[in-house]
Amino acid sequence: MAAPPQPVPAPAAASPEVFRLGFIGPGNLAESIARGVAASGVLPATAIRTAPHRRPERAEAFSSIGAHILETNAQVVDDSDVIVISVKPQIVRQVLVELKPLLSEEKLLVSIAAGIKMEDLQGWSGHRRFIRVMPNTPSAVGQAASVMCLGEMATENDENRVLGAATMVNKTGKHPGQLKDMVTSPAGTTITGIQELEKGAFRGTLINAVVAATKRCRELSQS
């Protein structure tokens, strides 16, 4: 009698790709992404790095995650595989021109600056392996909607890397007002849009809608 077939062992799970993620500009949105990336397991916190900011608390926020704080942006570029340009839109050009001599083909650049065209990003940096992505406020609570645009030399693998980093974030437990403040800046696109919503009494309209729906629900339950 033939011996019964032996079970074939399942293949070992492939270990996730670990790359070094650098942030040029440790602002609030950058911190939100970095915290989510580390908390969700996309990357270990030790794979994240940034450089000091004019406001010391920004570097301290990254340090509290477990990220490396390097001395200069040049060091961040040299020590990172994926480099996120997370400065204010008004200074993106200046930053990219300064970093241009340091960029090699192996580096993947990602811009999260609002309103800067891919054509300009590539022109200022002299770099074609570029992705433009705009994660929104809910990225801080695990419900992000990120819009992406790939540069001339960006690959599908590059897109997958960035998509995971931009959308995999953790619940913060913070009030929505705090989350709003984290990603708004004076004269920025987000606060300008919020101002228009306030002009139209958007918040009051939402409150009235919830109150009316709750009242009607109670009426129906008593009928």
N, C-alpha and C. Protein backbone atom coordinates (compact mmCIF):
# COMPACT_ATOMS: atom_id res chain seq x y z
N MET A 1 0.85 -1.20 0.00
CA MET A 1 0.00 0.00 0.00
C MET A 1 0.88 1.24 0.00
N ALA A 2 0.52 2.16 -0.85
CA ALA A 2 1.33 3.38 -0.95
C ALA A 2 1.18 4.23 0.30
N ALA A 3 2.26 4.85 0.68
CA ALA A 3 2.23 5.72 1.87
C ALA A 3 1.35 6.93 1.58
N PRO A 4 0.60 7.39 2.60
CA PRO A 4 -0.26 8.56 2.40
C PRO A 4 0.59 9.78 2.07
N PRO A 5 0.07 10.66 1.23
CA PRO A 5 0.85 11.85 0.86
C PRO A 5 1.12 12.73 2.08
N GLN A 6 2.32 13.24 2.13
CA GLN A 6 2.70 14.11 3.23
C GLN A 6 2.26 15.54 2.93
N PRO A 7 1.78 16.25 3.96
CA PRO A 7 1.37 17.64 3.73
C PRO A 7 2.55 18.50 3.32
N VAL A 8 2.30 19.38 2.39
CA VAL A 8 3.34 20.29 1.94
C VAL A 8 3.35 21.51 2.84
N PRO A 9 4.50 21.82 3.45
CA PRO A 9 4.53 22.98 4.35
C PRO A 9 4.23 24.27 3.61
N ALA A 10 3.50 25.15 4.28
CA ALA A 10 3.17 26.44 3.67
C ALA A 10 4.43 27.27 3.53
N PRO A 11 4.55 28.02 2.45
CA PRO A 11 5.73 28.87 2.28
C PRO A 11 5.78 29.95 3.34
N ALA A 12 6.99 30.28 3.74
CA ALA A 12 7.15 31.32 4.76
C ALA A 12 6.69 32.66 4.20
N ALA A 13 6.05 33.43 5.06
CA ALA A 13 5.57 34.75 4.63
C ALA A 13 6.75 35.65 4.33
N ALA A 14 6.64 36.37 3.25
CA ALA A 14 7.72 37.29 2.89
C ALA A 14 7.76 38.44 3.87
N SER A 15 8.96 38.80 4.28
CA SER A 15 9.08 39.92 5.20
C SER A 15 8.80 41.21 4.45
N PRO A 16 8.12 42.15 5.10
CA PRO A 16 7.80 43.40 4.41
C PRO A 16 9.05 44.18 4.08
N GLU A 17 9.00 44.89 2.97
CA GLU A 17 10.14 45.69 2.56
C GLU A 17 10.31 46.87 3.51
N VAL A 18 11.51 47.03 3.99
CA VAL A 18 11.80 48.15 4.88
C VAL A 18 12.67 49.14 4.13
N PHE A 19 12.23 50.37 4.08
CA PHE A 19 13.03 51.41 3.46
C PHE A 19 13.16 52.57 4.43
N ARG A 20 14.09 53.44 4.16
CA ARG A 20 14.33 54.59 5.04
C ARG A 20 13.52 55.77 4.54
N LEU A 21 12.70 56.32 5.42
CA LEU A 21 11.77 57.38 5.07
C LEU A 21 12.19 58.69 5.72
N GLY A 22 12.53 59.68 4.89
CA GLY A 22 12.97 60.97 5.41
C GLY A 22 11.96 62.07 5.15
N PHE A 23 11.84 62.98 6.10
CA PHE A 23 10.93 64.12 5.96
C PHE A 23 11.74 65.41 5.94
N ILE A 24 11.59 66.18 4.86
CA ILE A 24 12.18 67.51 4.79
C ILE A 24 11.11 68.48 5.26
N GLY A 25 11.16 68.83 6.53
CA GLY A 25 10.12 69.66 7.14
C GLY A 25 9.26 68.83 8.08
N PRO A 26 9.55 68.86 9.39
CA PRO A 26 8.80 68.04 10.35
C PRO A 26 7.53 68.72 10.85
N GLY A 27 6.66 69.13 9.92
CA GLY A 27 5.43 69.82 10.28
C GLY A 27 4.37 68.88 10.82
N ASN A 28 3.17 69.43 11.05
CA ASN A 28 2.09 68.66 11.65
C ASN A 28 1.62 67.52 10.77
N LEU A 29 1.43 67.78 9.47
CA LEU A 29 0.97 66.73 8.58
C LEU A 29 2.04 65.65 8.43
N ALA A 30 3.30 66.06 8.35
CA ALA A 30 4.40 65.10 8.28
C ALA A 30 4.41 64.22 9.53
N GLU A 31 4.21 64.85 10.69
CA GLU A 31 4.17 64.08 11.94
C GLU A 31 3.02 63.08 11.93
N SER A 32 1.85 63.52 11.44
CA SER A 32 0.70 62.64 11.39
C SER A 32 0.99 61.40 10.54
N ILE A 33 1.64 61.61 9.40
CA ILE A 33 1.99 60.49 8.52
C ILE A 33 3.03 59.60 9.20
N ALA A 34 4.05 60.22 9.79
CA ALA A 34 5.12 59.45 10.44
C ALA A 34 4.57 58.60 11.58
N ARG A 35 3.70 59.19 12.39
CA ARG A 35 3.13 58.44 13.52
C ARG A 35 2.30 57.26 13.01
N GLY A 36 1.51 57.51 11.97
CA GLY A 36 0.69 56.44 11.43
C GLY A 36 1.51 55.33 10.82
N VAL A 37 2.55 55.71 10.09
CA VAL A 37 3.43 54.72 9.47
C VAL A 37 4.06 53.82 10.52
N ALA A 38 4.53 54.43 11.61
CA ALA A 38 5.18 53.65 12.67
C ALA A 38 4.17 52.81 13.44
N ALA A 39 3.02 53.40 13.78
CA ALA A 39 2.03 52.70 14.59
C ALA A 39 1.38 51.54 13.84
N SER A 40 1.22 51.69 12.53
CA SER A 40 0.55 50.66 11.74
C SER A 40 1.49 49.53 11.33
N GLY A 41 2.79 49.73 11.52
CA GLY A 41 3.74 48.69 11.17
C GLY A 41 4.22 48.74 9.74
N VAL A 42 3.85 49.78 8.99
CA VAL A 42 4.37 49.92 7.63
C VAL A 42 5.89 49.99 7.66
N LEU A 43 6.42 50.74 8.62
CA LEU A 43 7.86 50.85 8.85
C LEU A 43 8.12 50.93 10.35
N PRO A 44 9.28 50.45 10.80
CA PRO A 44 9.64 50.71 12.20
C PRO A 44 9.99 52.18 12.36
N ALA A 45 9.78 52.71 13.55
CA ALA A 45 10.07 54.13 13.79
C ALA A 45 11.52 54.47 13.50
N THR A 46 12.41 53.50 13.70
CA THR A 46 13.84 53.75 13.47
C THR A 46 14.17 53.94 12.00
N ALA A 47 13.22 53.65 11.10
CA ALA A 47 13.45 53.85 9.67
C ALA A 47 13.06 55.26 9.23
N ILE A 48 12.56 56.06 10.18
CA ILE A 48 12.10 57.42 9.88
C ILE A 48 13.14 58.42 10.36
N ARG A 49 13.37 59.46 9.56
CA ARG A 49 14.32 60.49 9.96
C ARG A 49 13.89 61.87 9.47
N THR A 50 14.33 62.89 10.18
CA THR A 50 14.09 64.27 9.78
C THR A 50 15.20 65.12 10.38
N ALA A 51 15.15 66.43 10.12
CA ALA A 51 16.15 67.35 10.64
C ALA A 51 15.46 68.41 11.49
N PRO A 52 16.21 69.11 12.35
CA PRO A 52 15.60 70.10 13.24
C PRO A 52 14.84 71.19 12.49
N HIS A 53 13.90 71.78 13.19
CA HIS A 53 13.03 72.83 12.66
C HIS A 53 13.27 74.08 13.49
N ARG A 54 12.83 75.23 12.97
CA ARG A 54 12.98 76.47 13.73
C ARG A 54 12.18 76.42 15.03
N ARG A 55 11.16 75.57 15.07
CA ARG A 55 10.42 75.34 16.31
C ARG A 55 10.88 74.01 16.90
N PRO A 56 11.61 74.03 18.00
CA PRO A 56 12.19 72.80 18.57
C PRO A 56 11.17 71.71 18.85
N GLU A 57 9.93 72.10 19.17
CA GLU A 57 8.93 71.09 19.52
C GLU A 57 8.59 70.18 18.34
N ARG A 58 8.82 70.65 17.11
CA ARG A 58 8.52 69.81 15.95
C ARG A 58 9.49 68.63 15.88
N ALA A 59 10.78 68.89 16.08
CA ALA A 59 11.75 67.80 16.10
C ALA A 59 11.50 66.89 17.30
N GLU A 60 11.09 67.49 18.42
CA GLU A 60 10.80 66.70 19.62
C GLU A 60 9.63 65.75 19.37
N ALA A 61 8.65 66.21 18.59
CA ALA A 61 7.50 65.36 18.27
C ALA A 61 7.94 64.12 17.49
N PHE A 62 8.84 64.31 16.53
CA PHE A 62 9.36 63.18 15.77
C PHE A 62 10.22 62.28 16.65
N SER A 63 11.00 62.89 17.52
CA SER A 63 11.85 62.11 18.41
C SER A 63 11.01 61.23 19.33
N SER A 64 9.84 61.73 19.74
CA SER A 64 8.97 60.95 20.63
C SER A 64 8.42 59.70 19.95
N ILE A 65 8.38 59.72 18.62
CA ILE A 65 7.94 58.54 17.88
C ILE A 65 9.01 57.46 17.90
N GLY A 66 10.27 57.91 17.99
CA GLY A 66 11.40 57.00 17.88
C GLY A 66 12.19 57.22 16.61
N ALA A 67 11.85 58.32 15.88
CA ALA A 67 12.54 58.64 14.63
C ALA A 67 13.92 59.22 14.93
N HIS A 68 14.80 59.12 13.93
CA HIS A 68 16.13 59.70 14.05
C HIS A 68 16.08 61.19 13.69
N ILE A 69 16.70 62.02 14.50
CA ILE A 69 16.80 63.45 14.22
C ILE A 69 18.24 63.73 13.78
N LEU A 70 18.41 64.02 12.49
CA LEU A 70 19.73 64.32 11.95
C LEU A 70 19.98 65.82 12.00
N GLU A 71 21.18 66.23 11.69
CA GLU A 71 21.54 67.64 11.87
C GLU A 71 21.05 68.54 10.74
N THR A 72 21.04 68.03 9.51
CA THR A 72 20.70 68.87 8.36
C THR A 72 19.80 68.12 7.38
N ASN A 73 19.14 68.89 6.51
CA ASN A 73 18.34 68.28 5.45
C ASN A 73 19.20 67.46 4.50
N ALA A 74 20.44 67.91 4.29
CA ALA A 74 21.35 67.18 3.42
C ALA A 74 21.60 65.77 3.96
N GLN A 75 21.73 65.65 5.27
CA GLN A 75 21.93 64.34 5.88
C GLN A 75 20.67 63.48 5.75
N VAL A 76 19.51 64.11 5.86
CA VAL A 76 18.25 63.37 5.68
C VAL A 76 18.18 62.79 4.28
N VAL A 77 18.54 63.59 3.27
CA VAL A 77 18.54 63.11 1.89
C VAL A 77 19.51 61.96 1.71
N ASP A 78 20.71 62.11 2.25
CA ASP A 78 21.74 61.09 2.09
C ASP A 78 21.36 59.78 2.77
N ASP A 79 20.61 59.87 3.87
CA ASP A 79 20.32 58.69 4.68
C ASP A 79 18.91 58.14 4.46
N SER A 80 18.23 58.56 3.39
CA SER A 80 16.86 58.12 3.14
C SER A 80 16.72 57.55 1.73
N ASP A 81 15.80 56.60 1.59
CA ASP A 81 15.46 56.05 0.28
C ASP A 81 14.28 56.80 -0.33
N VAL A 82 13.31 57.12 0.52
CA VAL A 82 12.13 57.89 0.11
C VAL A 82 12.16 59.20 0.89
N ILE A 83 12.08 60.32 0.18
CA ILE A 83 12.22 61.64 0.81
C ILE A 83 10.93 62.42 0.60
N VAL A 84 10.27 62.76 1.70
CA VAL A 84 9.01 63.49 1.64
C VAL A 84 9.28 64.99 1.78
N ILE A 85 8.87 65.75 0.78
CA ILE A 85 9.00 67.21 0.83
C ILE A 85 7.75 67.74 1.52
N SER A 86 7.89 68.07 2.81
CA SER A 86 6.74 68.43 3.63
C SER A 86 6.87 69.83 4.21
N VAL A 87 7.47 70.73 3.43
CA VAL A 87 7.56 72.13 3.83
C VAL A 87 6.37 72.89 3.28
N LYS A 88 6.22 74.15 3.68
CA LYS A 88 5.14 74.99 3.18
C LYS A 88 5.30 75.21 1.67
N PRO A 89 4.19 75.29 0.93
CA PRO A 89 4.28 75.46 -0.52
C PRO A 89 5.13 76.66 -0.94
N GLN A 90 5.12 77.71 -0.13
CA GLN A 90 5.85 78.92 -0.49
C GLN A 90 7.36 78.73 -0.58
N ILE A 91 7.90 77.70 0.08
CA ILE A 91 9.35 77.52 0.07
C ILE A 91 9.78 76.21 -0.59
N VAL A 92 8.85 75.53 -1.25
CA VAL A 92 9.20 74.26 -1.91
C VAL A 92 10.29 74.48 -2.95
N ARG A 93 10.15 75.53 -3.76
CA ARG A 93 11.15 75.78 -4.80
C ARG A 93 12.54 75.97 -4.20
N GLN A 94 12.64 76.80 -3.18
CA GLN A 94 13.93 77.06 -2.54
C GLN A 94 14.55 75.77 -2.01
N VAL A 95 13.73 74.95 -1.36
CA VAL A 95 14.23 73.70 -0.78
C VAL A 95 14.71 72.74 -1.86
N LEU A 96 13.94 72.59 -2.93
CA LEU A 96 14.32 71.65 -3.99
C LEU A 96 15.58 72.10 -4.72
N VAL A 97 15.71 73.39 -4.94
CA VAL A 97 16.92 73.90 -5.59
C VAL A 97 18.15 73.62 -4.72
N GLU A 98 18.00 73.76 -3.41
CA GLU A 98 19.11 73.49 -2.49
C GLU A 98 19.48 72.01 -2.46
N LEU A 99 18.46 71.16 -2.58
CA LEU A 99 18.71 69.71 -2.50
C LEU A 99 19.14 69.11 -3.84
N LYS A 100 18.93 69.82 -4.92
CA LYS A 100 19.17 69.29 -6.27
C LYS A 100 20.53 68.61 -6.44
N PRO A 101 21.64 69.21 -5.97
CA PRO A 101 22.94 68.56 -6.17
C PRO A 101 23.10 67.25 -5.40
N LEU A 102 22.22 66.99 -4.44
CA LEU A 102 22.35 65.82 -3.57
C LEU A 102 21.52 64.63 -4.05
N LEU A 103 20.69 64.85 -5.05
CA LEU A 103 19.73 63.81 -5.46
C LEU A 103 20.34 62.87 -6.49
N SER A 104 20.12 61.58 -6.27
CA SER A 104 20.56 60.55 -7.21
C SER A 104 19.34 59.80 -7.72
N GLU A 105 19.53 59.00 -8.76
CA GLU A 105 18.41 58.28 -9.37
C GLU A 105 17.77 57.29 -8.41
N GLU A 106 18.52 56.85 -7.40
CA GLU A 106 17.99 55.86 -6.45
C GLU A 106 16.98 56.47 -5.49
N LYS A 107 16.97 57.79 -5.37
CA LYS A 107 16.08 58.44 -4.42
C LYS A 107 14.69 58.64 -5.02
N LEU A 108 13.67 58.34 -4.22
CA LEU A 108 12.29 58.62 -4.59
C LEU A 108 11.83 59.84 -3.81
N LEU A 109 11.40 60.88 -4.52
CA LEU A 109 10.92 62.10 -3.89
C LEU A 109 9.39 62.12 -3.89
N VAL A 110 8.84 62.59 -2.78
CA VAL A 110 7.39 62.68 -2.63
C VAL A 110 7.05 64.07 -2.11
N SER A 111 6.15 64.75 -2.79
CA SER A 111 5.71 66.07 -2.32
C SER A 111 4.30 65.97 -1.75
N ILE A 112 4.11 66.55 -0.55
CA ILE A 112 2.76 66.65 0.01
C ILE A 112 2.37 68.13 0.12
N ALA A 113 3.07 68.98 -0.63
CA ALA A 113 2.77 70.42 -0.63
C ALA A 113 1.60 70.71 -1.56
N ALA A 114 0.64 71.47 -1.07
CA ALA A 114 -0.55 71.78 -1.86
C ALA A 114 -0.24 72.78 -2.97
N GLY A 115 -0.83 72.54 -4.14
CA GLY A 115 -0.80 73.52 -5.21
C GLY A 115 0.46 73.59 -6.04
N ILE A 116 1.41 72.68 -5.84
CA ILE A 116 2.65 72.71 -6.61
C ILE A 116 2.57 71.65 -7.71
N LYS A 117 2.66 72.07 -8.96
CA LYS A 117 2.52 71.17 -10.10
C LYS A 117 3.70 70.21 -10.21
N MET A 118 3.42 69.03 -10.76
CA MET A 118 4.48 68.05 -10.98
C MET A 118 5.56 68.61 -11.89
N GLU A 119 5.16 69.35 -12.90
CA GLU A 119 6.13 69.95 -13.82
C GLU A 119 7.13 70.83 -13.08
N ASP A 120 6.64 71.61 -12.13
CA ASP A 120 7.53 72.48 -11.35
C ASP A 120 8.40 71.67 -10.39
N LEU A 121 7.82 70.67 -9.75
CA LEU A 121 8.58 69.84 -8.82
C LEU A 121 9.77 69.20 -9.53
N GLN A 122 9.52 68.65 -10.71
CA GLN A 122 10.59 68.00 -11.47
C GLN A 122 11.60 69.02 -11.99
N GLY A 123 11.11 70.17 -12.42
CA GLY A 123 12.01 71.18 -12.95
C GLY A 123 12.93 71.76 -11.89
N TRP A 124 12.39 72.10 -10.74
CA TRP A 124 13.19 72.70 -9.67
C TRP A 124 14.22 71.72 -9.11
N SER A 125 13.85 70.44 -9.04
CA SER A 125 14.74 69.44 -8.44
C SER A 125 15.66 68.78 -9.46
N GLY A 126 15.31 68.89 -10.75
CA GLY A 126 16.07 68.17 -11.77
C GLY A 126 15.92 66.67 -11.62
N HIS A 127 14.83 66.24 -10.99
CA HIS A 127 14.62 64.83 -10.63
C HIS A 127 13.31 64.36 -11.23
N ARG A 128 13.29 63.18 -11.84
CA ARG A 128 12.10 62.68 -12.51
C ARG A 128 11.41 61.55 -11.74
N ARG A 129 12.10 61.01 -10.74
CA ARG A 129 11.48 59.96 -9.93
C ARG A 129 10.76 60.64 -8.76
N PHE A 130 9.58 61.12 -9.06
CA PHE A 130 8.86 62.01 -8.15
C PHE A 130 7.39 61.58 -8.09
N ILE A 131 6.79 61.69 -6.92
CA ILE A 131 5.36 61.45 -6.76
C ILE A 131 4.77 62.62 -5.98
N ARG A 132 3.68 63.13 -6.49
CA ARG A 132 2.95 64.18 -5.77
C ARG A 132 1.73 63.53 -5.13
N VAL A 133 1.59 63.70 -3.82
CA VAL A 133 0.47 63.09 -3.11
C VAL A 133 -0.08 64.09 -2.11
N MET A 134 -1.41 64.09 -1.97
CA MET A 134 -2.04 64.98 -1.00
C MET A 134 -2.93 64.19 -0.08
N PRO A 135 -2.40 63.75 1.08
CA PRO A 135 -3.25 63.09 2.07
C PRO A 135 -4.08 64.14 2.78
N ASN A 136 -5.31 63.78 3.19
CA ASN A 136 -6.16 64.77 3.84
C ASN A 136 -6.21 64.56 5.34
N THR A 137 -6.94 65.42 6.05
CA THR A 137 -6.98 65.39 7.51
C THR A 137 -7.32 64.03 8.08
N PRO A 138 -8.31 63.27 7.54
CA PRO A 138 -8.64 61.98 8.14
C PRO A 138 -7.51 60.96 8.11
N SER A 139 -6.38 61.26 7.47
CA SER A 139 -5.26 60.33 7.52
C SER A 139 -4.81 60.10 8.95
N ALA A 140 -5.09 61.06 9.82
CA ALA A 140 -4.68 60.94 11.22
C ALA A 140 -5.55 59.96 11.99
N VAL A 141 -6.67 59.54 11.44
CA VAL A 141 -7.55 58.60 12.13
C VAL A 141 -7.84 57.36 11.29
N GLY A 142 -6.95 57.07 10.34
CA GLY A 142 -7.07 55.83 9.59
C GLY A 142 -8.10 55.83 8.49
N GLN A 143 -8.56 56.99 8.04
CA GLN A 143 -9.57 57.06 6.99
C GLN A 143 -9.14 58.03 5.90
N ALA A 144 -7.91 57.93 5.46
CA ALA A 144 -7.38 58.90 4.52
C ALA A 144 -7.90 58.69 3.11
N ALA A 145 -7.97 59.78 2.36
CA ALA A 145 -8.23 59.73 0.93
C ALA A 145 -7.09 60.49 0.28
N SER A 146 -6.14 59.78 -0.30
CA SER A 146 -4.93 60.41 -0.83
C SER A 146 -4.98 60.45 -2.35
N VAL A 147 -4.79 61.65 -2.90
CA VAL A 147 -4.74 61.84 -4.34
C VAL A 147 -3.28 61.82 -4.77
N MET A 148 -2.96 61.02 -5.81
CA MET A 148 -1.57 60.85 -6.21
C MET A 148 -1.37 61.16 -7.68
N CYS A 149 -0.16 61.67 -7.98
CA CYS A 149 0.25 61.94 -9.35
C CYS A 149 1.69 61.49 -9.50
N LEU A 150 1.97 60.62 -10.47
CA LEU A 150 3.31 60.07 -10.64
C LEU A 150 4.12 60.88 -11.64
N GLY A 151 5.39 61.08 -11.31
CA GLY A 151 6.31 61.74 -12.21
C GLY A 151 6.77 60.81 -13.32
N GLU A 152 7.62 61.32 -14.20
CA GLU A 152 8.01 60.60 -15.40
C GLU A 152 8.72 59.28 -15.12
N MET A 153 9.53 59.23 -14.06
CA MET A 153 10.33 58.03 -13.78
C MET A 153 9.82 57.22 -12.59
N ALA A 154 8.69 57.62 -12.00
CA ALA A 154 8.14 56.88 -10.86
C ALA A 154 7.56 55.56 -11.35
N THR A 155 7.77 54.50 -10.58
CA THR A 155 7.33 53.17 -10.96
C THR A 155 6.11 52.73 -10.15
N GLU A 156 5.53 51.60 -10.54
CA GLU A 156 4.39 51.05 -9.80
C GLU A 156 4.81 50.69 -8.38
N ASN A 157 6.04 50.20 -8.22
CA ASN A 157 6.53 49.87 -6.89
C ASN A 157 6.66 51.14 -6.04
N ASP A 158 7.10 52.23 -6.66
CA ASP A 158 7.16 53.51 -5.95
C ASP A 158 5.78 53.92 -5.46
N GLU A 159 4.80 53.76 -6.35
CA GLU A 159 3.42 54.13 -6.00
C GLU A 159 2.92 53.31 -4.82
N ASN A 160 3.20 52.01 -4.82
CA ASN A 160 2.75 51.15 -3.73
C ASN A 160 3.39 51.53 -2.41
N ARG A 161 4.67 51.87 -2.46
CA ARG A 161 5.36 52.32 -1.25
C ARG A 161 4.68 53.54 -0.64
N VAL A 162 4.47 54.53 -1.49
CA VAL A 162 3.92 55.80 -1.01
C VAL A 162 2.48 55.64 -0.56
N LEU A 163 1.71 54.85 -1.29
CA LEU A 163 0.31 54.66 -0.93
C LEU A 163 0.19 54.05 0.46
N GLY A 164 1.05 53.08 0.75
CA GLY A 164 1.02 52.47 2.08
C GLY A 164 1.39 53.45 3.16
N ALA A 165 2.42 54.25 2.91
CA ALA A 165 2.87 55.21 3.91
C ALA A 165 1.87 56.34 4.12
N ALA A 166 1.17 56.72 3.07
CA ALA A 166 0.26 57.86 3.16
C ALA A 166 -1.07 57.51 3.79
N THR A 167 -1.49 56.25 3.68
CA THR A 167 -2.83 55.91 4.14
C THR A 167 -2.87 55.06 5.40
N MET A 168 -1.77 54.37 5.75
CA MET A 168 -1.78 53.52 6.93
C MET A 168 -1.39 54.34 8.15
N VAL A 169 -2.39 54.81 8.88
CA VAL A 169 -2.14 55.63 10.05
C VAL A 169 -3.07 55.21 11.17
N ASN A 170 -2.73 55.61 12.39
CA ASN A 170 -3.45 55.11 13.56
C ASN A 170 -4.47 56.10 14.09
N LYS A 171 -5.34 55.59 14.96
CA LYS A 171 -6.29 56.45 15.64
C LYS A 171 -5.55 57.27 16.69
N THR A 172 -5.84 58.55 16.75
CA THR A 172 -5.10 59.42 17.66
C THR A 172 -5.83 59.67 18.96
N GLY A 173 -7.15 59.54 18.97
CA GLY A 173 -7.90 59.87 20.17
C GLY A 173 -8.04 61.36 20.39
N LYS A 174 -7.68 62.17 19.39
CA LYS A 174 -7.76 63.61 19.53
C LYS A 174 -9.10 64.13 19.03
N HIS A 175 -9.51 65.27 19.60
CA HIS A 175 -10.75 65.92 19.18
C HIS A 175 -10.62 66.37 17.73
N PRO A 176 -11.71 66.32 16.95
CA PRO A 176 -11.64 66.76 15.55
C PRO A 176 -11.09 68.18 15.39
N GLY A 177 -11.37 69.04 16.36
CA GLY A 177 -10.83 70.40 16.28
C GLY A 177 -9.31 70.40 16.34
N GLN A 178 -8.74 69.51 17.16
CA GLN A 178 -7.28 69.40 17.23
C GLN A 178 -6.71 68.87 15.92
N LEU A 179 -7.41 67.89 15.34
CA LEU A 179 -6.95 67.33 14.07
C LEU A 179 -6.98 68.39 12.98
N LYS A 180 -8.01 69.22 13.00
CA LYS A 180 -8.10 70.31 12.03
C LYS A 180 -6.92 71.26 12.19
N ASP A 181 -6.62 71.63 13.44
CA ASP A 181 -5.53 72.57 13.70
C ASP A 181 -4.19 72.00 13.27
N MET A 182 -4.05 70.66 13.32
CA MET A 182 -2.78 70.04 12.98
C MET A 182 -2.41 70.21 11.51
N VAL A 183 -3.42 70.36 10.66
CA VAL A 183 -3.13 70.40 9.22
C VAL A 183 -3.55 71.71 8.56
N THR A 184 -3.81 72.73 9.36
CA THR A 184 -4.11 74.03 8.79
C THR A 184 -3.01 75.01 9.14
N SER A 185 -2.77 75.93 8.24
CA SER A 185 -1.76 76.96 8.47
C SER A 185 -2.31 78.29 7.97
N PRO A 186 -1.83 79.40 8.50
CA PRO A 186 -2.33 80.71 8.07
C PRO A 186 -2.19 80.89 6.56
N ALA A 187 -3.27 81.31 5.94
CA ALA A 187 -3.32 81.58 4.49
C ALA A 187 -3.14 80.31 3.65
N GLY A 188 -3.29 79.13 4.27
CA GLY A 188 -3.16 77.88 3.52
C GLY A 188 -4.46 77.50 2.83
N THR A 189 -4.41 76.42 2.04
CA THR A 189 -5.59 76.00 1.29
C THR A 189 -6.69 75.47 2.21
N THR A 190 -6.31 74.71 3.24
CA THR A 190 -7.31 74.10 4.12
C THR A 190 -8.08 75.15 4.90
N ILE A 191 -7.37 76.09 5.52
CA ILE A 191 -8.04 77.09 6.34
C ILE A 191 -8.89 78.02 5.47
N THR A 192 -8.46 78.25 4.23
CA THR A 192 -9.25 79.08 3.32
C THR A 192 -10.58 78.41 3.00
N GLY A 193 -10.53 77.10 2.76
CA GLY A 193 -11.77 76.37 2.51
C GLY A 193 -12.67 76.34 3.73
N ILE A 194 -12.07 76.15 4.92
CA ILE A 194 -12.86 76.14 6.15
C ILE A 194 -13.54 77.49 6.38
N GLN A 195 -12.83 78.56 6.04
CA GLN A 195 -13.40 79.90 6.19
C GLN A 195 -14.68 80.04 5.36
N GLU A 196 -14.66 79.51 4.14
CA GLU A 196 -15.85 79.59 3.29
C GLU A 196 -16.99 78.76 3.87
N LEU A 197 -16.66 77.59 4.45
CA LEU A 197 -17.70 76.78 5.09
C LEU A 197 -18.33 77.53 6.25
N GLU A 198 -17.50 78.22 7.03
CA GLU A 198 -18.01 78.97 8.17
C GLU A 198 -18.90 80.13 7.70
N LYS A 199 -18.52 80.76 6.60
CA LYS A 199 -19.35 81.84 6.06
C LYS A 199 -20.75 81.34 5.72
N GLY A 200 -20.83 80.12 5.24
CA GLY A 200 -22.12 79.55 4.88
C GLY A 200 -22.82 78.85 6.02
N ALA A 201 -22.33 79.08 7.25
CA ALA A 201 -22.94 78.48 8.45
C ALA A 201 -22.98 76.95 8.35
N PHE A 202 -21.91 76.38 7.79
CA PHE A 202 -21.86 74.93 7.57
C PHE A 202 -21.96 74.16 8.88
N ARG A 203 -21.21 74.61 9.90
CA ARG A 203 -21.21 73.89 11.17
C ARG A 203 -22.60 73.92 11.81
N GLY A 204 -23.22 75.12 11.78
CA GLY A 204 -24.56 75.24 12.34
C GLY A 204 -25.57 74.39 11.60
N THR A 205 -25.42 74.32 10.28
CA THR A 205 -26.33 73.50 9.48
C THR A 205 -26.20 72.02 9.84
N LEU A 206 -24.97 71.55 10.02
CA LEU A 206 -24.76 70.16 10.42
C LEU A 206 -25.37 69.88 11.79
N ILE A 207 -25.16 70.80 12.73
CA ILE A 207 -25.71 70.62 14.07
C ILE A 207 -27.23 70.56 14.02
N ASN A 208 -27.83 71.48 13.26
CA ASN A 208 -29.29 71.50 13.14
C ASN A 208 -29.81 70.21 12.50
N ALA A 209 -29.06 69.69 11.53
CA ALA A 209 -29.48 68.45 10.87
C ALA A 209 -29.48 67.28 11.84
N VAL A 210 -28.44 67.19 12.68
CA VAL A 210 -28.36 66.11 13.66
C VAL A 210 -29.47 66.24 14.69
N VAL A 211 -29.71 67.46 15.17
CA VAL A 211 -30.76 67.69 16.17
C VAL A 211 -32.12 67.33 15.59
N ALA A 212 -32.39 67.77 14.34
CA ALA A 212 -33.68 67.49 13.71
C ALA A 212 -33.88 65.98 13.51
N ALA A 213 -32.82 65.30 13.06
CA ALA A 213 -32.93 63.86 12.83
C ALA A 213 -33.16 63.11 14.14
N THR A 214 -32.46 63.55 15.20
CA THR A 214 -32.64 62.91 16.51
C THR A 214 -34.06 63.12 17.03
N LYS A 215 -34.56 64.35 16.88
CA LYS A 215 -35.92 64.65 17.32
C LYS A 215 -36.94 63.79 16.59
N ARG A 216 -36.77 63.67 15.26
CA ARG A 216 -37.71 62.88 14.47
C ARG A 216 -37.64 61.40 14.85
N CYS A 217 -36.43 60.93 15.15
CA CYS A 217 -36.25 59.54 15.56
C CYS A 217 -37.03 59.26 16.85
N ARG A 218 -36.96 60.21 17.78
CA ARG A 218 -37.70 60.05 19.04
C ARG A 218 -39.21 60.07 18.79
N GLU A 219 -39.64 60.95 17.88
CA GLU A 219 -41.07 61.02 17.56
C GLU A 219 -41.56 59.70 16.98
N LEU A 220 -40.76 59.13 16.08
CA LEU A 220 -41.16 57.87 15.45
C LEU A 220 -41.19 56.73 16.47
N SER A 221 -40.27 56.76 17.43
CA SER A 221 -40.22 55.69 18.42
C SER A 221 -41.41 55.73 19.37
N GLN A 222 -42.07 56.90 19.47
CA GLN A 222 -43.20 57.06 20.39
C GLN A 222 -44.54 56.93 19.70
N SER A 223 -44.53 56.83 18.37
CA SER A 223 -45.79 56.76 17.64
C SER A 223 -46.32 55.34 17.56
